[in-house]
Amino acid sequence: MVGHRGGALLEIEVEELDTHTVLRPRGEIDAYTVAQFRERIGDLALAPRLLIDLGSVPFMDSAGLGALIGGIRRIRDSDGEVVVACGEGALARLLHTTGFDRIVPVAQTSEEALASLLTPDSPEAL
């Protein structure tokens, strides 16, 4: 499949593990793909522990950021815990600049995010 700029459309992998769920989007999350992302993160609203791995997301616009925050709110409203892994590129700068990293734990690697998720003393409020 070809996306709006000739690239691949957003692909989203969900992995259900014993201790947590991993949401792993691959591709840009923007006005063209945000509905798909919003729907998929909404499907996980009852996940008790969710790791969102954005390491394969080279670009996210404000619509994508809004969908991410909305999905995290729904998960937290159901008493779920969420952490985000995103590397150290432009997306990490976006999450830091917007203050996103003050409302949800953001780690560089999925391993660091998982350690944060499975540590019981990280009460953050969105």
Protein backbone atom coordinates (compact mmCIF):
# COMPACT_ATOMS: atom_id res chain seq x y z
CA MET A 1 0.00 0.00 0.00
CA VAL A 2 1.14 3.51 -0.73
CA GLY A 3 0.52 6.52 1.50
CA HIS A 4 -0.25 10.14 0.77
CA ARG A 5 3.35 11.07 -0.07
CA GLY A 6 4.32 7.85 -1.79
CA GLY A 7 5.49 6.16 1.42
CA ALA A 8 4.01 3.24 3.28
CA LEU A 9 0.85 3.79 5.28
CA LEU A 10 0.97 3.62 9.03
CA GLU A 11 1.32 0.07 10.32
CA ILE A 12 0.40 -0.66 13.92
CA GLU A 13 1.48 -3.78 15.76
CA VAL A 14 -0.03 -4.76 19.12
CA GLU A 15 1.72 -7.34 21.23
CA GLU A 16 -0.07 -8.79 24.27
CA LEU A 17 2.43 -10.08 26.83
CA ASP A 18 1.92 -11.53 30.32
CA THR A 19 2.85 -8.34 32.17
CA HIS A 20 1.92 -5.63 29.65
CA THR A 21 0.75 -4.69 26.16
CA VAL A 22 2.96 -3.04 23.54
CA LEU A 23 1.57 -0.68 20.88
CA ARG A 24 4.14 -0.25 18.11
CA PRO A 25 3.18 2.10 15.25
CA ARG A 26 5.48 2.27 12.21
CA GLY A 27 5.27 5.27 9.93
CA GLU A 28 4.10 8.86 10.18
CA ILE A 29 1.23 9.79 12.47
CA ASP A 30 -0.38 12.82 10.87
CA ALA A 31 -3.70 14.10 9.57
CA TYR A 32 -3.78 11.25 7.02
CA THR A 33 -3.17 8.40 9.46
CA VAL A 34 -4.42 9.77 12.79
CA ALA A 35 -7.85 8.11 12.58
CA GLN A 36 -6.22 4.69 12.32
CA PHE A 37 -3.90 5.48 15.25
CA ARG A 38 -6.74 6.91 17.38
CA GLU A 39 -8.89 3.82 16.75
CA ARG A 40 -6.08 1.40 17.63
CA ILE A 41 -5.07 3.17 20.84
CA GLY A 42 -8.77 3.39 21.74
CA ASP A 43 -9.02 -0.40 21.37
CA LEU A 44 -6.48 -0.61 24.23
CA ALA A 45 -8.36 1.67 26.64
CA LEU A 46 -8.74 -1.18 29.14
CA ALA A 47 -5.09 -2.26 29.03
CA PRO A 48 -3.74 -2.34 32.60
CA ARG A 49 -0.16 -1.59 31.44
CA LEU A 50 0.65 -0.17 28.02
CA LEU A 51 4.04 0.57 26.49
CA ILE A 52 3.74 2.80 23.41
CA ASP A 53 6.90 2.33 21.34
CA LEU A 54 7.25 5.30 18.97
CA GLY A 55 10.77 4.34 17.90
CA SER A 56 9.61 3.71 14.31
CA VAL A 57 7.59 6.94 14.02
CA PRO A 58 9.73 9.51 12.17
CA PHE A 59 7.06 12.24 12.29
CA MET A 60 3.99 13.12 14.36
CA ASP A 61 1.92 16.26 13.85
CA SER A 62 -0.44 17.98 16.29
CA ALA A 63 -3.31 15.67 15.31
CA GLY A 64 -1.16 12.66 16.19
CA LEU A 65 -0.09 14.22 19.48
CA GLY A 66 -3.73 14.94 20.32
CA ALA A 67 -4.71 11.34 19.56
CA LEU A 68 -1.83 10.07 21.70
CA ILE A 69 -2.86 12.25 24.67
CA GLY A 70 -6.53 11.31 24.25
CA GLY A 71 -5.70 7.61 24.19
CA ILE A 72 -3.52 7.93 27.28
CA ARG A 73 -6.33 9.74 29.12
CA ARG A 74 -8.79 6.93 28.29
CA ILE A 75 -6.33 4.31 29.54
CA ARG A 76 -5.69 6.23 32.75
CA ASP A 77 -9.43 6.77 33.25
CA SER A 78 -9.61 2.96 33.40
CA ASP A 79 -6.78 2.93 35.98
CA GLY A 80 -4.24 1.79 33.42
CA GLU A 81 -0.56 2.76 33.34
CA VAL A 82 1.18 4.07 30.23
CA VAL A 83 4.80 4.75 29.27
CA VAL A 84 6.26 5.91 25.96
CA ALA A 85 9.54 5.00 24.28
CA CYS A 86 10.64 7.21 21.39
CA GLY A 87 14.40 7.36 20.89
CA GLU A 88 16.18 10.71 20.75
CA GLY A 89 15.22 12.32 17.44
CA ALA A 90 12.71 14.95 16.39
CA LEU A 91 9.79 13.16 18.06
CA ALA A 92 11.60 13.09 21.41
CA ARG A 93 12.21 16.84 21.06
CA LEU A 94 8.51 17.38 20.27
CA LEU A 95 7.42 15.44 23.36
CA HIS A 96 9.86 17.41 25.52
CA THR A 97 9.03 20.82 24.01
CA THR A 98 5.28 20.33 24.43
CA GLY A 99 5.66 19.18 28.04
CA PHE A 100 4.30 15.73 27.18
CA ASP A 101 7.17 14.13 29.10
CA ARG A 102 5.90 15.80 32.29
CA ILE A 103 2.53 14.03 32.09
CA VAL A 104 3.64 10.55 31.06
CA PRO A 105 7.00 8.79 31.46
CA VAL A 106 9.05 9.00 28.25
CA ALA A 107 12.14 6.83 27.77
CA GLN A 108 14.65 6.54 24.95
CA THR A 109 14.35 2.75 24.64
CA SER A 110 11.53 0.29 25.06
CA GLU A 111 13.64 -1.50 27.69
CA GLU A 112 13.86 1.68 29.82
CA ALA A 113 10.14 2.32 29.30
CA LEU A 114 9.30 -1.24 30.34
CA ALA A 115 11.37 -0.91 33.52
CA SER A 116 9.44 2.27 34.35
CA LEU A 117 6.11 0.59 33.58
CA LEU A 118 6.78 -2.42 35.77
CA THR A 119 8.06 -0.32 38.69
CA PRO A 120 5.06 0.32 40.95
CA ASP A 121 6.17 3.70 42.31
CA SER A 122 5.68 5.96 39.25
CA PRO A 123 2.36 7.76 39.90
CA GLU A 124 1.96 10.38 37.18
CA ALA A 125 -1.28 12.25 36.45
CA LEU A 126 -2.52 13.36 33.06
